Amino acid sequence: MTTRARDFCWSAGFPGLRKLHEGSSLSLYLCALLLTSCTTPSPESRTGELELDVPSTWTASSNKDAPVDNAWIDRFGDRKLSALVDEAMANNLNLKSAEARIAIAEANAKLAGADRKPTLDGSLSGGRQKQNFIGFPFGGGADSAPDAVSSSLSNRFGTSLDINWELDVWGRVRAGESAALAQLDATAADYDAARTSLAAQTAKTWFALIEAREQQALANETLKIFQDTETVIRDRFESGQADGSGTGAQLRLAMSDVATAEAAVEQTGERLATTVRQLETLLGRYPEGLLKGTATLPSPPSRPPSGLPSELLLRRPDFVAAERRFASSGAKRKEAVLSFFPRFALTGSSGTSSEDLENIVNSDFGVWSLAGNVVQPILSAGRLTAGLALRDAEERDALSQFQNTVLQGFSEVEIALAVEGYLSRSEAALSKAASLAGDADQQARDDYRDGVGDILTVLAAQNQFVTVRSQLITARRLRLDNRINLHLALGGDFRPRGKTPPASKKES
């Protein structure tokens, strides 16, 4: 509160109490409002109390000093993916729920600070009363019976403005409001985390959908190859060109490969249908399985800069949320401690009182009152002590959760940075293996056609070629997933184009 506001209260407000019956009660209410004009801040950051040694560099990274990339979805160069992420941000129901929780936290913060402000109630009353005078030595009137009971009728009308205000001398109410504001900050950080996580889930599911389509195409191609091979063996078997008694077994082996390929076609179809519906659910659509797309898995963009570990404490929304909950628990503990202190309260009333209704707006019939009280807790059946013990335990729990969140976050970064190299080398090796397996398959079929090779070599080469190609598709998708994990671990933010804060809606 400013000095000017405080001086106004003491010079204009409280002396004016002597003139409330003269219509100057407004000064009391202005004074109360000015005394509560100070805003309660959210608690200071408690990151310095983190009981972890934060490294100065990442052990699995060689790029530590550049800023973290925040435009990571667009880095994949897939316009369809960017459009899907925007759609998810606009329509995903879990994100809408997280957005609504911000409004809930805002309302709770306002409720927590309501006790710090005065309450003003207006009332209008009216009554009519009959009173009997039994035993008095006068009758009820000239026309009344000798033994009639005397009585009188009276009216009472009044207006009143009543103010009640707890003077937050020790800051107990402010501590509760500060705790609620920290919880609001945590909820806002949770929304940021949910938004970024949704972008990641959408991207991963989109890449999984592309992989499923590529695997399905490979399965169909494989079935065609195995059917062709079976036809060649069957023709030789039926035409008597078999070289030995093993051709029957070879035919059955080829038929088994065809059946296995048919099963793979169905399995990839099931995986594709499931993934499509998962993506449609993320987008807020009804899961009809109608989402189409012909994209191929993109090559991973250049690896994002990792920044410094200490920067992660201020960047990752889950870190921010955990720290704000820790700060909130500290403010709640302070509130519990201050509950042992005495409470001061003021009550005031100003209005009119008259027997005639037309006089309730006449200041000549004005009445006023002012009272103050102090309440000191003495015996509370252990309620205050138990409340403090509860807040102590909650604060320790919040600190442990904060530390665990940070430790897990550092682990996610180190793992993603380390795995990036392994997946890159694995993809390169599988790409080489697929090329060699393709050459072996072609050579085996040529040799068999020329009569210098055997069918077992052809079947083995075909199976190896198909297996390696399937593994290569999966490896490419896993590498993209790890790139997404790295962006998440580094706290790379994502905000779709045109997205406004939770207070307003994005038009779709």
Protein backbone atom coordinates (compact mmCIF):
# COMPACT_ATOMS: atom_id res chain seq x y z
CA MET A 1 0.00 0.00 0.00
CA THR A 2 1.30 3.46 -0.85
CA THR A 3 2.00 6.10 1.82
CA ARG A 4 -0.60 8.33 0.25
CA ALA A 5 -3.26 5.63 0.58
CA ARG A 6 -2.32 4.98 4.22
CA ASP A 7 -2.35 8.68 5.09
CA PHE A 8 -5.74 9.05 3.48
CA CYS A 9 -7.13 6.26 5.62
CA TRP A 10 -5.99 7.74 8.89
CA SER A 11 -6.75 11.36 8.06
CA ALA A 12 -10.02 10.93 6.18
CA GLY A 13 -11.37 7.52 7.03
CA PHE A 14 -11.29 6.91 10.76
CA PRO A 15 -12.00 10.49 11.95
CA GLY A 16 -14.97 10.35 9.64
CA LEU A 17 -16.51 7.68 11.87
CA ARG A 18 -17.75 10.48 14.12
CA LYS A 19 -19.76 11.80 11.19
CA LEU A 20 -21.23 8.59 9.86
CA HIS A 21 -24.69 9.71 10.94
CA GLU A 22 -24.12 12.84 8.81
CA GLY A 23 -23.69 10.82 5.61
CA SER A 24 -19.87 10.48 5.56
CA SER A 25 -19.78 6.66 5.89
CA LEU A 26 -18.29 6.40 2.41
CA SER A 27 -14.88 7.32 3.81
CA LEU A 28 -14.83 4.13 5.89
CA TYR A 29 -15.36 1.97 2.83
CA LEU A 30 -12.88 3.88 0.69
CA CYS A 31 -10.34 3.49 3.47
CA ALA A 32 -10.89 -0.24 3.64
CA LEU A 33 -10.46 -0.59 -0.10
CA LEU A 34 -7.24 1.44 -0.09
CA LEU A 35 -5.80 -0.59 2.74
CA THR A 36 -6.27 -3.72 0.66
CA SER A 37 -5.03 -2.29 -2.63
CA CYS A 38 -1.64 -3.98 -2.33
CA THR A 39 -1.26 -7.02 -4.58
CA THR A 40 0.08 -10.28 -3.20
CA PRO A 41 3.02 -11.64 -5.20
CA SER A 42 3.68 -15.26 -6.04
CA PRO A 43 6.45 -16.73 -3.81
CA GLU A 44 10.07 -16.22 -4.75
CA SER A 45 11.77 -19.01 -6.67
CA ARG A 46 13.15 -21.80 -4.49
CA THR A 47 15.36 -23.34 -7.16
CA GLY A 48 18.40 -22.47 -5.03
CA GLU A 49 17.22 -25.00 -2.42
CA LEU A 50 17.52 -27.86 -4.91
CA GLU A 51 19.70 -30.51 -3.30
CA LEU A 52 21.29 -31.68 -6.55
CA ASP A 53 24.62 -30.94 -8.16
CA VAL A 54 23.73 -29.50 -11.56
CA PRO A 55 26.48 -30.23 -14.11
CA SER A 56 27.91 -27.39 -16.12
CA THR A 57 27.79 -29.36 -19.39
CA TRP A 58 26.08 -32.40 -20.86
CA THR A 59 28.33 -35.46 -20.90
CA ALA A 60 26.80 -36.84 -24.13
CA SER A 61 26.80 -33.65 -26.16
CA SER A 62 29.39 -31.71 -28.09
CA ASN A 63 27.11 -28.75 -28.80
CA LYS A 64 26.39 -27.03 -25.49
CA ASP A 65 26.29 -23.30 -25.92
CA ALA A 66 23.75 -22.58 -28.66
CA PRO A 67 20.17 -21.68 -27.77
CA VAL A 68 17.58 -24.44 -27.83
CA ASP A 69 15.45 -24.66 -30.96
CA ASN A 70 11.77 -23.82 -30.36
CA ALA A 71 10.52 -24.31 -33.94
CA TRP A 72 11.20 -28.03 -33.88
CA ILE A 73 7.97 -29.31 -35.45
CA ASP A 74 8.60 -27.30 -38.61
CA ARG A 75 12.18 -28.61 -38.70
CA PHE A 76 10.91 -31.96 -39.96
CA GLY A 77 9.83 -30.27 -43.19
CA ASP A 78 6.41 -31.96 -43.20
CA ARG A 79 3.57 -29.50 -43.84
CA LYS A 80 0.97 -32.15 -43.17
CA LEU A 81 2.50 -32.78 -39.74
CA SER A 82 2.51 -29.07 -38.92
CA ALA A 83 -1.16 -28.81 -39.91
CA LEU A 84 -2.06 -31.85 -37.79
CA VAL A 85 -0.30 -30.41 -34.75
CA ASP A 86 -2.19 -27.14 -35.18
CA GLU A 87 -5.44 -29.09 -35.37
CA ALA A 88 -4.56 -31.02 -32.22
CA MET A 89 -3.82 -27.79 -30.37
CA ALA A 90 -7.23 -26.44 -31.32
CA ASN A 91 -9.34 -29.52 -30.67
CA ASN A 92 -7.62 -31.97 -28.32
CA LEU A 93 -9.87 -32.56 -25.32
CA ASN A 94 -7.07 -33.23 -22.83
CA LEU A 95 -5.52 -29.89 -23.72
CA LYS A 96 -8.88 -28.18 -23.28
CA SER A 97 -9.09 -29.79 -19.85
CA ALA A 98 -5.63 -28.49 -18.96
CA GLU A 99 -6.73 -25.05 -20.13
CA ALA A 100 -9.82 -25.22 -17.93
CA ARG A 101 -7.64 -26.11 -14.94
CA ILE A 102 -5.93 -22.74 -15.34
CA ALA A 103 -9.30 -21.03 -14.89
CA ILE A 104 -9.92 -23.21 -11.82
CA ALA A 105 -6.55 -22.23 -10.36
CA GLU A 106 -7.26 -18.55 -11.05
CA ALA A 107 -10.58 -18.80 -9.23
CA ASN A 108 -8.93 -20.56 -6.29
CA ALA A 109 -6.31 -17.80 -6.10
CA LYS A 110 -9.06 -15.18 -5.97
CA LEU A 111 -10.89 -17.13 -3.29
CA ALA A 112 -7.71 -17.45 -1.25
CA GLY A 113 -7.24 -13.68 -1.30
CA ALA A 114 -10.86 -12.86 -0.57
CA ASP A 115 -10.37 -13.05 3.22
CA ARG A 116 -7.77 -10.28 2.97
CA LYS A 117 -10.35 -7.83 1.69
CA PRO A 118 -13.29 -6.32 3.57
CA THR A 119 -16.79 -7.56 2.95
CA LEU A 120 -19.62 -5.07 2.54
CA ASP A 121 -23.24 -6.11 2.90
CA GLY A 122 -26.30 -3.96 2.39
CA SER A 123 -29.60 -4.73 4.08
CA LEU A 124 -33.11 -3.34 4.21
CA SER A 125 -35.39 -4.38 7.05
CA GLY A 126 -38.95 -3.76 8.06
CA GLY A 127 -41.12 -5.08 10.86
CA ARG A 128 -44.39 -4.55 12.71
CA GLN A 129 -44.79 -5.59 16.35
CA LYS A 130 -47.70 -5.90 18.76
CA GLN A 131 -46.95 -5.80 22.48
CA ASN A 132 -49.42 -6.68 25.28
CA PHE A 133 -49.30 -5.02 28.71
CA ILE A 134 -50.79 -7.65 31.00
CA GLY A 135 -51.49 -6.52 34.58
CA PHE A 136 -51.21 -2.84 33.94
CA PRO A 137 -53.95 -0.73 35.67
CA PHE A 138 -55.47 0.68 32.53
CA GLY A 139 -57.76 -0.82 29.99
CA GLY A 140 -57.55 -1.25 26.32
CA GLY A 141 -59.62 1.89 25.60
CA ALA A 142 -63.05 3.46 26.14
CA ASP A 143 -64.83 0.98 23.98
CA SER A 144 -62.97 -2.02 25.37
CA ALA A 145 -64.26 -4.46 27.90
CA PRO A 146 -63.31 -3.75 31.52
CA ASP A 147 -60.98 -6.78 31.61
CA ALA A 148 -59.38 -6.18 28.20
CA VAL A 149 -55.57 -6.40 27.92
CA SER A 150 -53.78 -3.23 26.90
CA SER A 151 -51.53 -3.49 23.81
CA SER A 152 -49.57 -1.33 21.43
CA LEU A 153 -48.50 -1.60 17.79
CA SER A 154 -45.12 -0.36 16.56
CA ASN A 155 -43.23 -0.31 13.27
CA ARG A 156 -39.49 -0.45 12.68
CA PHE A 157 -37.80 0.19 9.33
CA GLY A 158 -34.11 0.44 8.67
CA THR A 159 -31.24 0.34 6.20
CA SER A 160 -27.70 -0.71 6.91
CA LEU A 161 -24.31 -1.02 5.24
CA ASP A 162 -22.17 -3.48 7.21
CA ILE A 163 -18.45 -3.95 6.76
CA ASN A 164 -16.38 -6.81 8.16
CA TRP A 165 -12.64 -6.95 7.79
CA GLU A 166 -9.90 -9.12 9.23
CA LEU A 167 -6.72 -7.09 9.56
CA ASP A 168 -4.04 -9.39 8.16
CA VAL A 169 -1.42 -8.06 10.58
CA TRP A 170 0.89 -11.06 10.43
CA GLY A 171 0.35 -11.93 6.76
CA ARG A 172 -1.45 -15.24 7.31
CA VAL A 173 -4.06 -14.59 4.65
CA ARG A 174 -1.44 -13.19 2.29
CA ALA A 175 0.57 -16.40 2.71
CA GLY A 176 -2.45 -18.45 1.70
CA GLU A 177 -3.05 -16.24 -1.30
CA SER A 178 0.61 -16.45 -2.26
CA ALA A 179 0.41 -20.26 -2.09
CA ALA A 180 -2.61 -20.19 -4.40
CA LEU A 181 -0.79 -17.91 -6.84
CA ALA A 182 2.15 -20.31 -6.91
CA GLN A 183 -0.28 -23.12 -7.61
CA LEU A 184 -1.69 -21.04 -10.46
CA ASP A 185 1.83 -20.66 -11.86
CA ALA A 186 2.29 -24.43 -11.60
CA THR A 187 -0.99 -25.07 -13.39
CA ALA A 188 0.00 -22.69 -16.19
CA ALA A 189 3.32 -24.56 -16.49
CA ASP A 190 1.37 -27.83 -16.61
CA TYR A 191 -0.58 -26.41 -19.53
CA ASP A 192 2.66 -25.56 -21.32
CA ALA A 193 3.91 -29.08 -20.67
CA ALA A 194 0.65 -30.57 -21.95
CA ARG A 195 0.81 -28.44 -25.08
CA THR A 196 4.38 -29.48 -25.85
CA SER A 197 3.64 -33.11 -25.02
CA LEU A 198 0.63 -33.06 -27.35
CA ALA A 199 2.79 -31.76 -30.19
CA ALA A 200 5.24 -34.60 -29.53
CA GLN A 201 2.50 -37.25 -29.31
CA THR A 202 0.98 -36.02 -32.55
CA ALA A 203 4.34 -36.10 -34.33
CA LYS A 204 5.19 -39.56 -33.00
CA THR A 205 1.81 -40.96 -33.95
CA TRP A 206 2.05 -39.40 -37.40
CA PHE A 207 5.46 -41.00 -37.95
CA ALA A 208 4.12 -44.29 -36.59
CA LEU A 209 1.28 -44.02 -39.12
CA ILE A 210 3.73 -43.44 -41.96
CA GLU A 211 5.81 -46.40 -40.76
CA ALA A 212 2.69 -48.59 -40.62
CA ARG A 213 1.86 -47.66 -44.22
CA GLU A 214 5.41 -48.38 -45.36
CA GLN A 215 5.41 -51.69 -43.50
CA GLN A 216 2.07 -52.57 -45.08
CA ALA A 217 3.43 -51.75 -48.54
CA LEU A 218 6.48 -53.90 -47.81
CA ALA A 219 4.25 -56.75 -46.61
CA ASN A 220 2.22 -56.62 -49.83
CA GLU A 221 5.41 -56.54 -51.89
CA THR A 222 6.80 -59.45 -49.90
CA LEU A 223 3.65 -61.48 -50.44
CA LYS A 224 3.92 -60.93 -54.19
CA ILE A 225 7.59 -62.00 -54.20
CA PHE A 226 6.90 -65.15 -52.18
CA GLN A 227 3.92 -66.03 -54.38
CA ASP A 228 6.08 -65.69 -57.48
CA THR A 229 8.74 -67.90 -55.91
CA GLU A 230 6.14 -70.49 -54.94
CA THR A 231 4.82 -70.50 -58.51
CA VAL A 232 8.29 -71.14 -59.94
CA ILE A 233 8.93 -74.04 -57.55
CA ARG A 234 5.47 -75.49 -58.14
CA ASP A 235 5.94 -75.33 -61.93
CA ARG A 236 9.26 -77.16 -61.67
CA PHE A 237 7.80 -79.72 -59.30
CA GLU A 238 4.79 -80.41 -61.48
CA SER A 239 6.80 -80.48 -64.73
CA GLY A 240 9.24 -83.03 -63.35
CA GLN A 241 12.23 -80.71 -63.46
CA ALA A 242 12.95 -81.35 -59.81
CA ASP A 243 16.56 -82.11 -59.08
CA GLY A 244 16.16 -84.67 -56.31
CA SER A 245 13.52 -85.64 -53.83
CA GLY A 246 13.79 -82.39 -51.83
CA THR A 247 11.63 -80.32 -54.15
CA GLY A 248 8.44 -81.29 -52.32
CA ALA A 249 9.87 -79.96 -49.06
CA GLN A 250 11.07 -76.86 -50.85
CA LEU A 251 7.57 -76.27 -52.21
CA ARG A 252 6.06 -76.61 -48.77
CA LEU A 253 8.68 -74.21 -47.41
CA ALA A 254 7.75 -71.68 -50.11
CA MET A 255 4.06 -72.16 -49.32
CA SER A 256 4.85 -71.52 -45.65
CA ASP A 257 6.58 -68.28 -46.58
CA VAL A 258 3.50 -67.22 -48.55
CA ALA A 259 1.22 -67.95 -45.59
CA THR A 260 3.55 -66.05 -43.28
CA ALA A 261 3.51 -63.10 -45.68
CA GLU A 262 -0.29 -63.18 -45.77
CA ALA A 263 -0.35 -63.02 -41.97
CA ALA A 264 2.10 -60.10 -42.07
CA VAL A 265 -0.22 -58.23 -44.44
CA GLU A 266 -3.08 -58.62 -41.96
CA GLN A 267 -0.89 -57.64 -39.00
CA THR A 268 0.34 -54.48 -40.72
CA GLY A 269 -3.24 -53.66 -41.67
CA GLU A 270 -4.33 -53.99 -38.03
CA ARG A 271 -1.44 -51.81 -36.88
CA LEU A 272 -2.30 -49.20 -39.51
CA ALA A 273 -5.99 -49.10 -38.53
CA THR A 274 -5.12 -48.75 -34.84
CA THR A 275 -2.58 -45.97 -35.44
CA VAL A 276 -4.98 -43.98 -37.65
CA ARG A 277 -7.61 -44.02 -34.91
CA GLN A 278 -5.09 -43.05 -32.26
CA LEU A 279 -4.07 -40.02 -34.32
CA GLU A 280 -7.69 -39.04 -34.98
CA THR A 281 -8.37 -39.15 -31.23
CA LEU A 282 -5.41 -36.86 -30.56
CA LEU A 283 -6.82 -34.47 -33.15
CA GLY A 284 -10.17 -34.39 -31.40
CA ARG A 285 -11.87 -36.21 -34.27
CA TYR A 286 -14.16 -39.20 -34.06
CA PRO A 287 -11.91 -42.28 -34.60
CA GLU A 288 -13.40 -43.45 -37.90
CA GLY A 289 -10.10 -44.52 -39.40
CA LEU A 290 -10.54 -42.21 -42.38
CA LEU A 291 -7.37 -40.10 -42.05
CA LYS A 292 -5.41 -40.33 -45.27
CA GLY A 293 -1.85 -39.49 -46.11
CA THR A 294 0.85 -40.59 -48.52
CA ALA A 295 3.88 -39.05 -46.85
CA THR A 296 7.12 -40.94 -46.33
CA LEU A 297 9.32 -40.86 -43.26
CA PRO A 298 11.46 -37.71 -43.45
CA SER A 299 15.15 -37.62 -42.77
CA PRO A 300 15.93 -36.30 -39.30
CA PRO A 301 16.88 -32.61 -39.30
CA SER A 302 20.17 -31.49 -37.86
CA ARG A 303 20.53 -32.24 -34.18
CA PRO A 304 19.22 -29.41 -31.99
CA PRO A 305 21.62 -27.49 -29.75
CA SER A 306 21.49 -28.73 -26.18
CA GLY A 307 22.14 -25.52 -24.24
CA LEU A 308 23.37 -25.69 -20.64
CA PRO A 309 21.95 -27.94 -17.89
CA SER A 310 21.36 -24.98 -15.59
CA GLU A 311 19.17 -23.35 -18.25
CA LEU A 312 16.90 -26.38 -18.18
CA LEU A 313 15.68 -25.42 -14.70
CA LEU A 314 14.09 -22.28 -16.12
CA ARG A 315 13.04 -23.70 -19.48
CA ARG A 316 11.29 -27.03 -18.97
CA PRO A 317 7.65 -26.51 -17.94
CA ASP A 318 7.59 -29.60 -15.73
CA PHE A 319 10.58 -28.23 -13.82
CA VAL A 320 8.80 -24.90 -13.43
CA ALA A 321 5.61 -26.61 -12.26
CA ALA A 322 7.47 -28.72 -9.69
CA GLU A 323 9.34 -25.68 -8.35
CA ARG A 324 6.13 -23.64 -8.10
CA ARG A 325 4.46 -26.45 -6.13
CA PHE A 326 7.45 -26.51 -3.81
CA ALA A 327 7.14 -22.74 -3.38
CA SER A 328 3.40 -23.11 -2.78
CA SER A 329 4.02 -25.69 -0.07
CA GLY A 330 6.38 -23.26 1.67
CA ALA A 331 3.76 -20.52 1.63
CA LYS A 332 1.17 -22.94 3.02
CA ARG A 333 3.56 -23.85 5.83
CA LYS A 334 4.00 -20.15 6.62
CA GLU A 335 0.22 -19.80 6.73
CA ALA A 336 0.04 -22.71 9.20
CA VAL A 337 2.68 -21.10 11.44
CA LEU A 338 0.85 -17.77 11.44
CA SER A 339 -2.37 -19.51 12.43
CA PHE A 340 -0.96 -19.63 15.97
CA PHE A 341 -0.90 -15.81 16.10
CA PRO A 342 -3.84 -13.67 17.26
CA ARG A 343 -6.30 -12.39 14.67
CA PHE A 344 -7.56 -8.82 14.54
CA ALA A 345 -10.88 -7.84 13.00
CA LEU A 346 -12.94 -4.70 12.52
CA THR A 347 -16.68 -4.48 12.01
CA GLY A 348 -18.56 -1.34 11.15
CA SER A 349 -22.13 -0.45 10.32
CA SER A 350 -23.86 2.65 9.05
CA GLY A 351 -27.51 3.18 8.21
CA THR A 352 -30.84 4.55 9.36
CA SER A 353 -33.53 3.38 11.72
CA SER A 354 -37.05 4.81 11.99
CA GLU A 355 -40.63 3.91 12.77
CA ASP A 356 -41.75 5.52 9.53
CA LEU A 357 -40.86 4.03 6.17
CA GLU A 358 -40.37 7.43 4.53
CA ASN A 359 -37.57 8.27 7.00
CA ILE A 360 -35.20 5.40 6.10
CA VAL A 361 -33.43 7.63 3.56
CA ASN A 362 -33.27 10.62 5.93
CA SER A 363 -29.79 11.11 7.37
CA ASP A 364 -31.32 12.67 10.50
CA PHE A 365 -32.28 9.10 11.48
CA GLY A 366 -28.80 7.78 10.85
CA VAL A 367 -27.12 5.26 13.16
CA TRP A 368 -23.62 3.80 13.12
CA SER A 369 -21.39 1.45 15.03
CA LEU A 370 -17.74 0.41 15.02
CA ALA A 371 -16.22 -2.53 16.84
CA GLY A 372 -12.96 -4.38 16.91
CA ASN A 373 -11.92 -7.75 18.33
CA VAL A 374 -8.83 -9.85 18.86
CA VAL A 375 -8.96 -13.65 18.85
CA GLN A 376 -6.05 -15.66 20.22
CA PRO A 377 -6.20 -19.45 19.74
CA ILE A 378 -5.63 -21.22 23.07
CA LEU A 379 -7.06 -24.72 22.81
CA SER A 380 -7.85 -26.22 19.41
CA ALA A 381 -7.73 -29.96 20.16
CA GLY A 382 -4.38 -30.17 18.37
CA ARG A 383 -5.83 -28.88 15.11
CA LEU A 384 -3.22 -26.15 14.59
CA THR A 385 -0.31 -28.39 15.56
CA ALA A 386 -1.52 -31.15 13.27
CA GLY A 387 -2.02 -28.63 10.48
CA LEU A 388 1.57 -27.43 10.82
CA ALA A 389 2.86 -31.01 10.83
CA LEU A 390 0.84 -31.66 7.68
CA ARG A 391 2.33 -28.63 5.93
CA ASP A 392 5.85 -29.67 6.98
CA ALA A 393 5.34 -33.10 5.43
CA GLU A 394 3.84 -31.61 2.27
CA GLU A 395 6.82 -29.30 1.88
CA ARG A 396 9.28 -32.19 2.21
CA ASP A 397 7.26 -34.17 -0.31
CA ALA A 398 7.19 -31.24 -2.75
CA LEU A 399 10.97 -30.83 -2.45
CA SER A 400 11.52 -34.54 -3.12
CA GLN A 401 9.23 -34.43 -6.13
CA PHE A 402 11.00 -31.34 -7.43
CA GLN A 403 14.38 -33.01 -7.10
CA ASN A 404 13.13 -36.20 -8.72
CA THR A 405 11.59 -34.28 -11.63
CA VAL A 406 14.87 -32.47 -12.25
CA LEU A 407 16.92 -35.66 -11.97
CA GLN A 408 14.62 -37.48 -14.39
CA GLY A 409 14.80 -34.54 -16.76
CA PHE A 410 18.59 -34.53 -16.78
CA SER A 411 18.48 -38.29 -17.38
CA GLU A 412 16.13 -37.83 -20.34
CA VAL A 413 18.52 -35.34 -21.95
CA GLU A 414 21.61 -37.48 -21.45
CA ILE A 415 19.85 -40.62 -22.73
CA ALA A 416 18.42 -38.86 -25.79
CA LEU A 417 21.81 -37.33 -26.63
CA ALA A 418 23.59 -40.67 -26.25
CA VAL A 419 20.95 -42.73 -28.09
CA GLU A 420 21.05 -40.31 -31.02
CA GLY A 421 24.49 -41.58 -32.00
CA TYR A 422 23.59 -45.26 -31.60
CA LEU A 423 20.43 -44.93 -33.68
CA SER A 424 22.25 -43.01 -36.40
CA ARG A 425 24.93 -45.69 -36.70
CA SER A 426 22.30 -48.44 -36.55
CA GLU A 427 20.32 -46.87 -39.38
CA ALA A 428 23.47 -46.57 -41.49
CA ALA A 429 24.36 -50.21 -40.86
CA LEU A 430 20.85 -51.41 -41.68
CA SER A 431 20.84 -49.32 -44.85
CA LYS A 432 24.06 -51.04 -45.92
CA ALA A 433 22.67 -54.43 -44.93
CA ALA A 434 19.49 -53.82 -46.94
CA SER A 435 21.53 -52.92 -50.00
CA LEU A 436 23.66 -56.06 -49.66
CA ALA A 437 20.60 -58.22 -48.98
CA GLY A 438 18.93 -56.82 -52.09
CA ASP A 439 21.98 -57.69 -54.18
CA ALA A 440 22.10 -61.19 -52.65
CA ASP A 441 18.41 -61.74 -53.37
CA GLN A 442 18.81 -60.70 -56.98
CA GLN A 443 21.93 -62.86 -57.42
CA ALA A 444 20.27 -65.89 -55.83
CA ARG A 445 17.27 -65.64 -58.14
CA ASP A 446 19.51 -65.21 -61.20
CA ASP A 447 21.57 -68.27 -60.23
CA TYR A 448 18.45 -70.34 -59.68
CA ARG A 449 17.03 -69.26 -63.00
CA ASP A 450 20.31 -70.22 -64.70
CA GLY A 451 20.31 -73.59 -62.98
CA VAL A 452 23.46 -73.01 -60.94
CA GLY A 453 21.77 -72.13 -57.65
CA ASP A 454 19.39 -73.83 -55.24
CA ILE A 455 15.99 -72.70 -54.05
CA LEU A 456 16.95 -72.72 -50.38
CA THR A 457 19.45 -69.95 -51.05
CA VAL A 458 16.73 -68.00 -52.86
CA LEU A 459 14.30 -68.38 -49.98
CA ALA A 460 16.92 -67.44 -47.41
CA ALA A 461 17.99 -64.38 -49.43
CA GLN A 462 14.40 -63.24 -49.83
CA ASN A 463 13.65 -63.56 -46.12
CA GLN A 464 16.84 -61.72 -45.21
CA PHE A 465 16.06 -58.91 -47.64
CA VAL A 466 12.52 -58.47 -46.31
CA THR A 467 13.61 -58.63 -42.67
CA VAL A 468 16.35 -56.04 -43.06
CA ARG A 469 14.10 -53.67 -45.00
CA SER A 470 11.46 -53.89 -42.25
CA GLN A 471 14.10 -53.24 -39.61
CA LEU A 472 15.38 -50.25 -41.57
CA ILE A 473 11.90 -48.68 -41.70
CA THR A 474 11.53 -49.15 -37.94
CA ALA A 475 15.00 -47.76 -37.29
CA ARG A 476 14.20 -44.60 -39.25
CA ARG A 477 11.02 -44.09 -37.22
CA LEU A 478 12.82 -44.75 -33.93
CA ARG A 479 15.41 -42.16 -34.81
CA LEU A 480 12.68 -39.60 -35.46
CA ASP A 481 11.04 -40.52 -32.14
CA ASN A 482 14.32 -40.01 -30.32
CA ARG A 483 14.74 -36.63 -31.99
CA ILE A 484 11.32 -35.68 -30.62
CA ASN A 485 12.34 -36.99 -27.19
CA LEU A 486 15.45 -34.83 -27.34
CA HIS A 487 13.44 -31.70 -28.09
CA LEU A 488 11.10 -32.49 -25.19
CA ALA A 489 13.96 -33.25 -22.82
CA LEU A 490 15.66 -29.97 -23.68
CA GLY A 491 12.48 -28.03 -22.99
CA GLY A 492 11.99 -26.97 -26.59
CA ASP A 493 8.71 -25.08 -26.58
CA PHE A 494 6.04 -25.38 -29.21
CA ARG A 495 3.28 -22.90 -29.95
CA PRO A 496 1.29 -23.34 -33.16
CA ARG A 497 1.04 -20.44 -35.52
CA GLY A 498 -1.61 -17.97 -34.37
CA LYS A 499 -2.10 -19.71 -31.02
CA THR A 500 -3.17 -17.32 -28.30
CA PRO A 501 -2.82 -17.76 -24.53
CA PRO A 502 -5.38 -19.88 -22.64
CA ALA A 503 -7.57 -16.84 -21.97
CA SER A 504 -8.89 -16.89 -25.52
CA LYS A 505 -9.65 -19.56 -28.08
CA LYS A 506 -7.98 -20.28 -31.36
CA GLU A 507 -10.48 -20.18 -34.22
CA SER A 508 -10.53 -23.32 -36.26
